[in-house]
Amino acid sequence: RKIQSNNRTKELLDRFELDARSKLKKMSKGMKQKVGIVAAFMHDP
């Protein structure tokens, strides 16, 4: 997305209480959904 700042990403991670450091294959359905939400909104479309 060529995002220069990660402030928006951090804000979304905090909002959804997501620690994204785990392997995706070990994440629960809900955690993966949170990753998807952050990815969708992080570039402020």
All heavy atoms as atom14 arrays in JSON, in Angstrom:
{
  "sequence": "RKIQSNNRTKELLDRFELDARSKLKKMSKGMKQKVGIVAAFMHDP",
  "atom14_mask": [
    [1, 1, 1, 1, 1, 1, 1, 1, 1, 1, 1, 0, 0, 0],
    [1, 1, 1, 1, 1, 1, 1, 1, 1, 0, 0, 0, 0, 0],
    [1, 1, 1, 1, 1, 1, 1, 1, 0, 0, 0, 0, 0, 0],
    [1, 1, 1, 1, 1, 1, 1, 1, 1, 0, 0, 0, 0, 0],
    [1, 1, 1, 1, 1, 1, 0, 0, 0, 0, 0, 0, 0, 0],
    [1, 1, 1, 1, 1, 1, 1, 1, 0, 0, 0, 0, 0, 0],
    [1, 1, 1, 1, 1, 1, 1, 1, 0, 0, 0, 0, 0, 0],
    [1, 1, 1, 1, 1, 1, 1, 1, 1, 1, 1, 0, 0, 0],
    [1, 1, 1, 1, 1, 1, 1, 0, 0, 0, 0, 0, 0, 0],
    [1, 1, 1, 1, 1, 1, 1, 1, 1, 0, 0, 0, 0, 0],
    [1, 1, 1, 1, 1, 1, 1, 1, 1, 0, 0, 0, 0, 0],
    [1, 1, 1, 1, 1, 1, 1, 1, 0, 0, 0, 0, 0, 0],
    [1, 1, 1, 1, 1, 1, 1, 1, 0, 0, 0, 0, 0, 0],
    [1, 1, 1, 1, 1, 1, 1, 1, 0, 0, 0, 0, 0, 0],
    [1, 1, 1, 1, 1, 1, 1, 1, 1, 1, 1, 0, 0, 0],
    [1, 1, 1, 1, 1, 1, 1, 1, 1, 1, 1, 0, 0, 0],
    [1, 1, 1, 1, 1, 1, 1, 1, 1, 0, 0, 0, 0, 0],
    [1, 1, 1, 1, 1, 1, 1, 1, 0, 0, 0, 0, 0, 0],
    [1, 1, 1, 1, 1, 1, 1, 1, 0, 0, 0, 0, 0, 0],
    [1, 1, 1, 1, 1, 0, 0, 0, 0, 0, 0, 0, 0, 0],
    [1, 1, 1, 1, 1, 1, 1, 1, 1, 1, 1, 0, 0, 0],
    [1, 1, 1, 1, 1, 1, 0, 0, 0, 0, 0, 0, 0, 0],
    [1, 1, 1, 1, 1, 1, 1, 1, 1, 0, 0, 0, 0, 0],
    [1, 1, 1, 1, 1, 1, 1, 1, 0, 0, 0, 0, 0, 0],
    [1, 1, 1, 1, 1, 1, 1, 1, 1, 0, 0, 0, 0, 0],
    [1, 1, 1, 1, 1, 1, 1, 1, 1, 0, 0, 0, 0, 0],
    [1, 1, 1, 1, 1, 1, 1, 1, 0, 0, 0, 0, 0, 0],
    [1, 1, 1, 1, 1, 1, 0, 0, 0, 0, 0, 0, 0, 0],
    [1, 1, 1, 1, 1, 1, 1, 1, 1, 0, 0, 0, 0, 0],
    [1, 1, 1, 1, 0, 0, 0, 0, 0, 0, 0, 0, 0, 0],
    [1, 1, 1, 1, 1, 1, 1, 1, 0, 0, 0, 0, 0, 0],
    [1, 1, 1, 1, 1, 1, 1, 1, 1, 0, 0, 0, 0, 0],
    [1, 1, 1, 1, 1, 1, 1, 1, 1, 0, 0, 0, 0, 0],
    [1, 1, 1, 1, 1, 1, 1, 1, 1, 0, 0, 0, 0, 0],
    [1, 1, 1, 1, 1, 1, 1, 0, 0, 0, 0, 0, 0, 0],
    [1, 1, 1, 1, 0, 0, 0, 0, 0, 0, 0, 0, 0, 0],
    [1, 1, 1, 1, 1, 1, 1, 1, 0, 0, 0, 0, 0, 0],
    [1, 1, 1, 1, 1, 1, 1, 0, 0, 0, 0, 0, 0, 0],
    [1, 1, 1, 1, 1, 0, 0, 0, 0, 0, 0, 0, 0, 0],
    [1, 1, 1, 1, 1, 0, 0, 0, 0, 0, 0, 0, 0, 0],
    [1, 1, 1, 1, 1, 1, 1, 1, 1, 1, 1, 0, 0, 0],
    [1, 1, 1, 1, 1, 1, 1, 1, 0, 0, 0, 0, 0, 0],
    [1, 1, 1, 1, 1, 1, 1, 1, 1, 1, 0, 0, 0, 0],
    [1, 1, 1, 1, 1, 1, 1, 1, 0, 0, 0, 0, 0, 0],
    [1, 1, 1, 1, 1, 1, 1, 0, 0, 0, 0, 0, 0, 0]
  ],
  "atom14_positions": [
    [[0.81, -1.22, 0.0], [0.0, 0.0, 0.0], [0.85, 1.27, 0.0], [0.31, 2.37, -0.1], [-0.91, 0.03, 1.23], [-1.85, -1.14, 1.37], [-2.98, -1.07, 0.41], [-4.0, -2.1, 0.68], [-4.99, -2.39, -0.14], [-5.12, -1.73, -1.28], [-5.86, -3.33, 0.16], [0.0, 0.0, 0.0], [0.0, 0.0, 0.0], [0.0, 0.0, 0.0]],
    [[2.16, 1.1, 0.2], [3.09, 2.24, 0.27], [2.71, 3.18, 1.41], [2.67, 4.4, 1.27], [3.12, 2.99, -1.06], [3.62, 2.13, -2.22], [3.65, 2.89, -3.53], [4.15, 2.0, -4.65], [4.15, 2.69, -5.97], [0.0, 0.0, 0.0], [0.0, 0.0, 0.0], [0.0, 0.0, 0.0], [0.0, 0.0, 0.0], [0.0, 0.0, 0.0]],
    [[2.42, 2.56, 2.57], [2.08, 3.33, 3.75], [3.36, 3.8, 4.43], [4.25, 3.0, 4.75], [1.24, 2.47, 4.73], [-0.07, 2.03, 4.06], [0.95, 3.23, 6.02], [-0.87, 1.04, 4.88], [0.0, 0.0, 0.0], [0.0, 0.0, 0.0], [0.0, 0.0, 0.0], [0.0, 0.0, 0.0], [0.0, 0.0, 0.0], [0.0, 0.0, 0.0]],
    [[3.46, 5.1, 4.66], [4.68, 5.66, 5.24], [4.67, 5.58, 6.77], [5.69, 5.37, 7.4], [4.82, 7.13, 4.81], [4.91, 7.33, 3.31], [6.08, 6.59, 2.69], [7.19, 6.58, 3.24], [5.86, 5.96, 1.53], [0.0, 0.0, 0.0], [0.0, 0.0, 0.0], [0.0, 0.0, 0.0], [0.0, 0.0, 0.0], [0.0, 0.0, 0.0]],
    [[3.49, 5.76, 7.38], [3.39, 5.75, 8.84], [2.57, 4.56, 9.29], [1.64, 4.13, 8.6], [2.73, 7.05, 9.32], [2.4, 6.96, 10.7], [0.0, 0.0, 0.0], [0.0, 0.0, 0.0], [0.0, 0.0, 0.0], [0.0, 0.0, 0.0], [0.0, 0.0, 0.0], [0.0, 0.0, 0.0], [0.0, 0.0, 0.0], [0.0, 0.0, 0.0]],
    [[2.91, 4.01, 10.48], [2.15, 2.87, 10.99], [1.23, 3.27, 12.15], [0.77, 2.42, 12.89], [3.1, 1.75, 11.44], [3.91, 2.16, 12.67], [3.92, 3.31, 13.08], [4.59, 1.18, 13.25], [0.0, 0.0, 0.0], [0.0, 0.0, 0.0], [0.0, 0.0, 0.0], [0.0, 0.0, 0.0], [0.0, 0.0, 0.0], [0.0, 0.0, 0.0]],
    [[0.96, 4.57, 12.3], [0.1, 5.02, 13.4], [-1.29, 4.43, 13.3], [-1.88, 4.03, 14.31], [0.03, 6.56, 13.41], [1.34, 7.2, 13.86], [2.16, 6.54, 14.5], [1.53, 8.46, 13.52], [0.0, 0.0, 0.0], [0.0, 0.0, 0.0], [0.0, 0.0, 0.0], [0.0, 0.0, 0.0], [0.0, 0.0, 0.0], [0.0, 0.0, 0.0]],
    [[-1.82, 4.42, 12.09], [-3.17, 3.88, 11.88], [-3.19, 2.38, 12.21], [-4.12, 1.88, 12.84], [-3.61, 4.13, 10.45], [-4.93, 3.51, 10.03], [-6.11, 4.2, 10.66], [-7.35, 3.83, 10.0], [-8.56, 4.09, 10.49], [-8.68, 4.73, 11.63], [-9.64, 3.74, 9.83], [0.0, 0.0, 0.0], [0.0, 0.0, 0.0], [0.0, 0.0, 0.0]],
    [[-2.17, 1.67, 11.78], [-2.08, 0.24, 12.05], [-2.04, -0.02, 13.56], [-2.75, -0.88, 14.08], [-0.84, -0.37, 11.39], [-0.88, -0.1, 9.98], [-0.78, -1.87, 11.61], [0.0, 0.0, 0.0], [0.0, 0.0, 0.0], [0.0, 0.0, 0.0], [0.0, 0.0, 0.0], [0.0, 0.0, 0.0], [0.0, 0.0, 0.0], [0.0, 0.0, 0.0]],
    [[-1.22, 0.73, 14.26], [-1.11, 0.56, 15.71], [-2.43, 0.87, 16.4], [-2.86, 0.17, 17.32], [-0.01, 1.47, 16.27], [0.23, 1.28, 17.77], [1.35, 2.15, 18.27], [1.66, 1.86, 19.74], [0.47, 1.94, 20.62], [0.0, 0.0, 0.0], [0.0, 0.0, 0.0], [0.0, 0.0, 0.0], [0.0, 0.0, 0.0], [0.0, 0.0, 0.0]],
    [[-3.09, 1.92, 15.94], [-4.4, 2.28, 16.51], [-5.4, 1.14, 16.36], [-6.15, 0.81, 17.3], [-4.92, 3.53, 15.8], [-6.34, 3.93, 16.18], [-6.96, 4.88, 15.17], [-6.22, 5.63, 14.51], [-8.2, 4.85, 15.04], [0.0, 0.0, 0.0], [0.0, 0.0, 0.0], [0.0, 0.0, 0.0], [0.0, 0.0, 0.0], [0.0, 0.0, 0.0]],
    [[-5.42, 0.49, 15.19], [-6.36, -0.61, 14.94], [-5.99, -1.85, 15.75], [-6.86, -2.54, 16.28], [-6.38, -0.93, 13.44], [-7.03, 0.13, 12.55], [-6.64, -0.08, 11.09], [-8.55, 0.11, 12.69], [0.0, 0.0, 0.0], [0.0, 0.0, 0.0], [0.0, 0.0, 0.0], [0.0, 0.0, 0.0], [0.0, 0.0, 0.0], [0.0, 0.0, 0.0]],
    [[-4.69, -2.13, 15.86], [-4.24, -3.27, 16.67], [-4.67, -3.09, 18.13], [-5.14, -4.03, 18.78], [-2.73, -3.43, 16.57], [-2.18, -3.93, 15.23], [-0.66, -3.79, 15.2], [-2.58, -5.38, 14.98], [0.0, 0.0, 0.0], [0.0, 0.0, 0.0], [0.0, 0.0, 0.0], [0.0, 0.0, 0.0], [0.0, 0.0, 0.0], [0.0, 0.0, 0.0]],
    [[-4.52, -1.86, 18.62], [-4.92, -1.57, 20.01], [-6.43, -1.67, 20.18], [-6.91, -2.21, 21.17], [-4.43, -0.18, 20.41], [-2.92, -0.09, 20.55], [-2.27, -1.16, 20.65], [-2.38, 1.04, 20.56], [0.0, 0.0, 0.0], [0.0, 0.0, 0.0], [0.0, 0.0, 0.0], [0.0, 0.0, 0.0], [0.0, 0.0, 0.0], [0.0, 0.0, 0.0]],
    [[-7.16, -1.14, 19.22], [-8.62, -1.16, 19.3], [-9.16, -2.57, 19.41], [-10.08, -2.85, 20.19], [-9.22, -0.47, 18.07], [-10.75, -0.45, 18.06], [-11.29, 0.02, 16.71], [-11.1, 1.43, 16.5], [-12.06, 2.34, 16.57], [-13.29, 1.98, 16.88], [-11.8, 3.62, 16.33], [0.0, 0.0, 0.0], [0.0, 0.0, 0.0], [0.0, 0.0, 0.0]],
    [[-8.57, -3.48, 18.62], [-9.07, -4.86, 18.6], [-8.24, -5.8, 19.47], [-8.39, -7.02, 19.38], [-9.14, -5.36, 17.16], [-10.22, -4.68, 16.36], [-9.92, -3.66, 15.49], [-11.55, -5.04, 16.53], [-10.91, -3.0, 14.77], [-12.55, -4.41, 15.82], [-12.23, -3.38, 14.94], [0.0, 0.0, 0.0], [0.0, 0.0, 0.0], [0.0, 0.0, 0.0]],
    [[-7.38, -5.22, 20.3], [-6.6, -5.99, 21.27], [-5.9, -7.18, 20.61], [-5.97, -8.32, 21.07], [-7.5, -6.47, 22.42], [-8.16, -5.33, 23.18], [-9.08, -5.81, 24.29], [-9.04, -7.01, 24.63], [-9.85, -4.99, 24.81], [0.0, 0.0, 0.0], [0.0, 0.0, 0.0], [0.0, 0.0, 0.0], [0.0, 0.0, 0.0], [0.0, 0.0, 0.0]],
    [[-5.21, -6.89, 19.52], [-4.58, -7.94, 18.73], [-3.06, -7.9, 18.87], [-2.42, -6.89, 18.55], [-4.96, -7.79, 17.25], [-4.28, -8.76, 16.28], [-4.66, -10.21, 16.59], [-4.65, -8.42, 14.84], [0.0, 0.0, 0.0], [0.0, 0.0, 0.0], [0.0, 0.0, 0.0], [0.0, 0.0, 0.0], [0.0, 0.0, 0.0], [0.0, 0.0, 0.0]],
    [[-2.5, -8.99, 19.34], [-1.05, -9.21, 19.3], [-0.79, -10.02, 18.04], [-1.07, -11.22, 17.98], [-0.58, -9.95, 20.55], [0.94, -10.16, 20.57], [1.59, -9.93, 19.53], [1.45, -10.58, 21.61], [0.0, 0.0, 0.0], [0.0, 0.0, 0.0], [0.0, 0.0, 0.0], [0.0, 0.0, 0.0], [0.0, 0.0, 0.0], [0.0, 0.0, 0.0]],
    [[-0.26, -9.36, 17.01], [-0.13, -9.98, 15.69], [1.17, -10.73, 15.5], [1.49, -11.15, 14.38], [-0.28, -8.91, 14.61], [0.0, 0.0, 0.0], [0.0, 0.0, 0.0], [0.0, 0.0, 0.0], [0.0, 0.0, 0.0], [0.0, 0.0, 0.0], [0.0, 0.0, 0.0], [0.0, 0.0, 0.0], [0.0, 0.0, 0.0], [0.0, 0.0, 0.0]],
    [[1.93, -10.95, 16.57], [3.25, -11.59, 16.42], [3.18, -13.1, 16.22], [4.17, -13.72, 15.83], [4.11, -11.25, 17.63], [4.5, -9.77, 17.71], [5.25, -9.44, 18.99], [4.38, -9.59, 20.17], [4.79, -9.33, 21.41], [6.03, -8.93, 21.63], [3.95, -9.48, 22.42], [0.0, 0.0, 0.0], [0.0, 0.0, 0.0], [0.0, 0.0, 0.0]],
    [[2.02, -13.7, 16.46], [1.89, -15.14, 16.3], [1.86, -15.54, 14.82], [1.51, -14.74, 13.95], [0.6, -15.63, 16.96], [0.59, -15.34, 18.33], [0.0, 0.0, 0.0], [0.0, 0.0, 0.0], [0.0, 0.0, 0.0], [0.0, 0.0, 0.0], [0.0, 0.0, 0.0], [0.0, 0.0, 0.0], [0.0, 0.0, 0.0], [0.0, 0.0, 0.0]],
    [[2.21, -16.79, 14.56], [2.08, -17.34, 13.21], [0.6, -17.38, 12.83], [-0.24, -17.76, 13.64], [2.65, -18.75, 13.14], [4.16, -18.84, 13.25], [4.83, -18.6, 11.9], [6.31, -18.94, 11.97], [6.99, -18.71, 10.67], [0.0, 0.0, 0.0], [0.0, 0.0, 0.0], [0.0, 0.0, 0.0], [0.0, 0.0, 0.0], [0.0, 0.0, 0.0]],
    [[0.31, -17.0, 11.61], [-1.08, -16.98, 11.16], [-1.73, -18.36, 11.24], [-2.9, -18.49, 11.57], [-1.15, -16.43, 9.73], [-0.95, -14.91, 9.62], [-0.57, -14.52, 8.21], [-2.2, -14.16, 10.06], [0.0, 0.0, 0.0], [0.0, 0.0, 0.0], [0.0, 0.0, 0.0], [0.0, 0.0, 0.0], [0.0, 0.0, 0.0], [0.0, 0.0, 0.0]],
    [[-0.96, -19.4, 10.97], [-1.52, -20.74, 10.97], [-1.9, -21.2, 12.37], [-2.7, -22.14, 12.53], [-0.55, -21.73, 10.33], [0.76, -21.93, 11.07], [1.65, -22.89, 10.3], [3.02, -23.05, 10.95], [3.89, -23.94, 10.16], [0.0, 0.0, 0.0], [0.0, 0.0, 0.0], [0.0, 0.0, 0.0], [0.0, 0.0, 0.0], [0.0, 0.0, 0.0]],
    [[-1.39, -20.53, 13.39], [-1.71, -20.89, 14.77], [-2.8, -19.99, 15.36], [-3.23, -20.2, 16.5], [-0.46, -20.81, 15.64], [0.6, -21.85, 15.29], [1.78, -21.78, 16.24], [2.82, -22.85, 15.9], [3.99, -22.79, 16.82], [0.0, 0.0, 0.0], [0.0, 0.0, 0.0], [0.0, 0.0, 0.0], [0.0, 0.0, 0.0], [0.0, 0.0, 0.0]],
    [[-3.23, -19.01, 14.59], [-4.24, -18.08, 15.09], [-5.63, -18.69, 15.03], [-5.95, -19.48, 14.13], [-4.22, -16.78, 14.28], [-3.05, -15.88, 14.56], [-3.23, -14.3, 13.69], [-1.75, -13.45, 14.23], [0.0, 0.0, 0.0], [0.0, 0.0, 0.0], [0.0, 0.0, 0.0], [0.0, 0.0, 0.0], [0.0, 0.0, 0.0], [0.0, 0.0, 0.0]],
    [[-6.49, -18.27, 15.95], [-7.89, -18.66, 15.93], [-8.61, -17.92, 14.81], [-8.07, -16.97, 14.22], [-8.56, -18.31, 17.26], [-8.6, -16.89, 17.43], [0.0, 0.0, 0.0], [0.0, 0.0, 0.0], [0.0, 0.0, 0.0], [0.0, 0.0, 0.0], [0.0, 0.0, 0.0], [0.0, 0.0, 0.0], [0.0, 0.0, 0.0], [0.0, 0.0, 0.0]],
    [[-9.83, -18.35, 14.52], [-10.65, -17.68, 13.51], [-10.82, -16.2, 13.84], [-10.7, -15.33, 12.97], [-12.01, -18.38, 13.43], [-13.12, -17.62, 12.71], [-12.86, -17.46, 11.24], [-14.06, -16.84, 10.55], [-13.79, -16.45, 9.15], [0.0, 0.0, 0.0], [0.0, 0.0, 0.0], [0.0, 0.0, 0.0], [0.0, 0.0, 0.0], [0.0, 0.0, 0.0]],
    [[-11.09, -15.91, 15.12], [-11.29, -14.52, 15.51], [-10.04, -13.68, 15.34], [-10.12, -12.51, 14.91], [0.0, 0.0, 0.0], [0.0, 0.0, 0.0], [0.0, 0.0, 0.0], [0.0, 0.0, 0.0], [0.0, 0.0, 0.0], [0.0, 0.0, 0.0], [0.0, 0.0, 0.0], [0.0, 0.0, 0.0], [0.0, 0.0, 0.0], [0.0, 0.0, 0.0]],
    [[-8.88, -14.24, 15.68], [-7.63, -13.49, 15.52], [-7.34, -13.22, 14.05], [-6.91, -12.12, 13.68], [-6.48, -14.26, 16.16], [-6.51, -14.28, 17.68], [-5.07, -15.15, 18.38], [-3.74, -14.01, 17.97], [0.0, 0.0, 0.0], [0.0, 0.0, 0.0], [0.0, 0.0, 0.0], [0.0, 0.0, 0.0], [0.0, 0.0, 0.0], [0.0, 0.0, 0.0]],
    [[-7.56, -14.23, 13.2], [-7.35, -14.01, 11.77], [-8.29, -12.94, 11.23], [-7.91, -12.13, 10.38], [-7.57, -15.32, 11.01], [-6.47, -16.35, 11.22], [-6.75, -17.62, 10.42], [-5.65, -18.64, 10.6], [-5.94, -19.9, 9.85], [0.0, 0.0, 0.0], [0.0, 0.0, 0.0], [0.0, 0.0, 0.0], [0.0, 0.0, 0.0], [0.0, 0.0, 0.0]],
    [[-9.53, -12.93, 11.75], [-10.49, -11.92, 11.32], [-10.0, -10.53, 11.7], [-10.14, -9.57, 10.92], [-11.86, -12.2, 11.94], [-13.01, -11.47, 11.26], [-13.33, -12.04, 9.89], [-12.98, -13.19, 9.57], [-13.97, -11.26, 9.05], [0.0, 0.0, 0.0], [0.0, 0.0, 0.0], [0.0, 0.0, 0.0], [0.0, 0.0, 0.0], [0.0, 0.0, 0.0]],
    [[-9.43, -10.41, 12.88], [-8.89, -9.12, 13.32], [-7.75, -8.67, 12.39], [-7.65, -7.48, 12.04], [-8.4, -9.2, 14.75], [-9.5, -9.36, 15.79], [-8.9, -9.49, 17.18], [-9.94, -9.74, 18.25], [-9.32, -9.84, 19.59], [0.0, 0.0, 0.0], [0.0, 0.0, 0.0], [0.0, 0.0, 0.0], [0.0, 0.0, 0.0], [0.0, 0.0, 0.0]],
    [[-6.88, -9.6, 12.01], [-5.8, -9.26, 11.08], [-6.39, -8.74, 9.78], [-5.91, -7.74, 9.21], [-4.9, -10.48, 10.82], [-3.89, -10.18, 9.71], [-4.16, -10.9, 12.08], [0.0, 0.0, 0.0], [0.0, 0.0, 0.0], [0.0, 0.0, 0.0], [0.0, 0.0, 0.0], [0.0, 0.0, 0.0], [0.0, 0.0, 0.0], [0.0, 0.0, 0.0]],
    [[-7.44, -9.41, 9.3], [-8.1, -8.98, 8.07], [-8.7, -7.59, 8.19], [-8.65, -6.78, 7.25], [0.0, 0.0, 0.0], [0.0, 0.0, 0.0], [0.0, 0.0, 0.0], [0.0, 0.0, 0.0], [0.0, 0.0, 0.0], [0.0, 0.0, 0.0], [0.0, 0.0, 0.0], [0.0, 0.0, 0.0], [0.0, 0.0, 0.0], [0.0, 0.0, 0.0]],
    [[-9.29, -7.3, 9.33], [-9.88, -5.97, 9.57], [-8.8, -4.9, 9.55], [-8.93, -3.85, 8.91], [-10.66, -5.95, 10.9], [-11.92, -6.82, 10.79], [-11.03, -4.52, 11.29], [-12.62, -7.05, 12.12], [0.0, 0.0, 0.0], [0.0, 0.0, 0.0], [0.0, 0.0, 0.0], [0.0, 0.0, 0.0], [0.0, 0.0, 0.0], [0.0, 0.0, 0.0]],
    [[-7.69, -5.16, 10.26], [-6.59, -4.19, 10.29], [-6.05, -3.96, 8.88], [-5.83, -2.81, 8.46], [-5.47, -4.66, 11.24], [-4.27, -3.73, 11.15], [-5.98, -4.74, 12.67], [0.0, 0.0, 0.0], [0.0, 0.0, 0.0], [0.0, 0.0, 0.0], [0.0, 0.0, 0.0], [0.0, 0.0, 0.0], [0.0, 0.0, 0.0], [0.0, 0.0, 0.0]],
    [[-5.87, -5.03, 8.13], [-5.35, -4.92, 6.76], [-6.28, -4.1, 5.87], [-5.83, -3.37, 4.98], [-5.12, -6.3, 6.17], [0.0, 0.0, 0.0], [0.0, 0.0, 0.0], [0.0, 0.0, 0.0], [0.0, 0.0, 0.0], [0.0, 0.0, 0.0], [0.0, 0.0, 0.0], [0.0, 0.0, 0.0], [0.0, 0.0, 0.0], [0.0, 0.0, 0.0]],
    [[-7.59, -4.22, 6.08], [-8.57, -3.52, 5.25], [-8.62, -2.03, 5.54], [-8.84, -1.22, 4.64], [-9.95, -4.14, 5.43], [0.0, 0.0, 0.0], [0.0, 0.0, 0.0], [0.0, 0.0, 0.0], [0.0, 0.0, 0.0], [0.0, 0.0, 0.0], [0.0, 0.0, 0.0], [0.0, 0.0, 0.0], [0.0, 0.0, 0.0], [0.0, 0.0, 0.0]],
    [[-8.42, -1.66, 6.82], [-8.59, -0.27, 7.23], [-7.27, 0.5, 7.4], [-7.28, 1.72, 7.55], [-9.36, -0.2, 8.54], [-10.84, -0.49, 8.41], [-11.32, -1.78, 8.4], [-11.75, 0.56, 8.33], [-12.68, -2.04, 8.29], [-13.11, 0.31, 8.23], [-13.59, -0.99, 8.21], [0.0, 0.0, 0.0], [0.0, 0.0, 0.0], [0.0, 0.0, 0.0]],
    [[-6.12, -0.19, 7.39], [-4.85, 0.42, 7.79], [-4.4, 1.54, 6.87], [-3.67, 2.45, 7.29], [-3.77, -0.67, 7.87], [-3.46, -1.33, 6.54], [-2.44, -2.83, 6.73], [-0.9, -2.15, 7.28], [0.0, 0.0, 0.0], [0.0, 0.0, 0.0], [0.0, 0.0, 0.0], [0.0, 0.0, 0.0], [0.0, 0.0, 0.0], [0.0, 0.0, 0.0]],
    [[-4.79, 1.53, 5.59], [-4.36, 2.57, 4.66], [-5.39, 3.68, 4.5], [-5.31, 4.51, 3.61], [-4.0, 1.96, 3.31], [-5.11, 1.17, 2.67], [-5.67, 0.06, 3.27], [-5.76, 1.31, 1.47], [-6.61, -0.44, 2.47], [-6.68, 0.31, 1.41], [0.0, 0.0, 0.0], [0.0, 0.0, 0.0], [0.0, 0.0, 0.0], [0.0, 0.0, 0.0]],
    [[-6.4, 3.67, 5.4], [-7.42, 4.71, 5.45], [-8.11, 4.9, 4.1], [-8.19, 6.02, 3.56], [-6.79, 6.04, 5.9], [-7.83, 7.01, 6.46], [-8.93, 6.56, 6.84], [-7.53, 8.22, 6.52], [0.0, 0.0, 0.0], [0.0, 0.0, 0.0], [0.0, 0.0, 0.0], [0.0, 0.0, 0.0], [0.0, 0.0, 0.0], [0.0, 0.0, 0.0]],
    [[-8.65, 3.81, 3.51], [-9.26, 3.91, 2.19], [-10.58, 4.67, 2.22], [-11.28, 4.68, 3.24], [-9.48, 2.45, 1.8], [-9.68, 1.75, 3.11], [-8.77, 2.44, 4.07], [0.0, 0.0, 0.0], [0.0, 0.0, 0.0], [0.0, 0.0, 0.0], [0.0, 0.0, 0.0], [0.0, 0.0, 0.0], [0.0, 0.0, 0.0], [0.0, 0.0, 0.0]]
  ]
}
